[in-house]
């Protein structure tokens, strides 16, 4: 049945679009590969293969499968384009109700993937400031804990004012791109560390009592992005991390670890403040085990 729909699409391309034999052949190859994937997944579930049952999550799993098989970025982009055209045809023909490639239009599958660090590496990094009891070390611990707890951009972190963090309720108010506000929950441990910094360490750094900035440098002024970068490099080196650690690393790690733990993609999108889910989709470079667990938990026919 799934193969018959591909034949209908190829006939449409030739008759209505006037595509060459070579182009039609390329479409056929790409869609046949997708059909094999659909048939194999259906066989695992013991159900008939059907485009109508092929979901957005299944399409993401297919793209991850291509990546795991080491297909070039340009090849994966072409296969996604072929699938998008095919599903647009199926939707127009009434064969399927929902396009599983919806919201993937702007997905740049060839873009470089974010490079997170492992949970153990994050732990080693977060432990470094605790080896000192200075006001600066308490500030650094609060910053690193807050970044990893919230997934905020570094620019959002250094822009925080004291009133933006509610340690009682366990949330932080961040202002992202376009000054768009969002409220991000943070776990109790991070909230407690930030509260301790504000109570015990920040007063030693704040030379001006009217200063509203949450994180201050030794001069009592708002810490800069460059200042944070220098601090991070020192702690990464002290933690023995041989991989590159940038100011964005904890944000990347937050998103990856959340998805690995089974978090919903759209929930992570909101936490990160992404306007388009296709931006969040670059974080789905997870292990096959994590993808399968999340897929089987979420897909209505996998239960």
Foldseek 3Di string as FASTA:
>chain_A
DQVVLLVVVLVCCCPPVVDDPVVSVVLNVLSVVVQVLQCVVCVVLVHHRAPQQCALLNVLVVLLVCVVVVDAQVVSVVSLVSLQSSQVVCCVVVRYVDRSCPLVPPQRSNDDFADADDPVLLVLLLCQLVVDDALQSLLLNLLSLVCLQQLEQVVFSLPDFPVQADLVQAWGWTQDPVRDIDITGGDNVSSVSLVCSVPPRLVCQQPDPPDGTSHHDNVNHRQDLVNSQVVSVVSSVVSVPPDDDGSNRSSLNSLLVCLLVQDDLVVNCRSHVPPGSSVSSSSPNDDPVSSVVNCLVPRPSSD
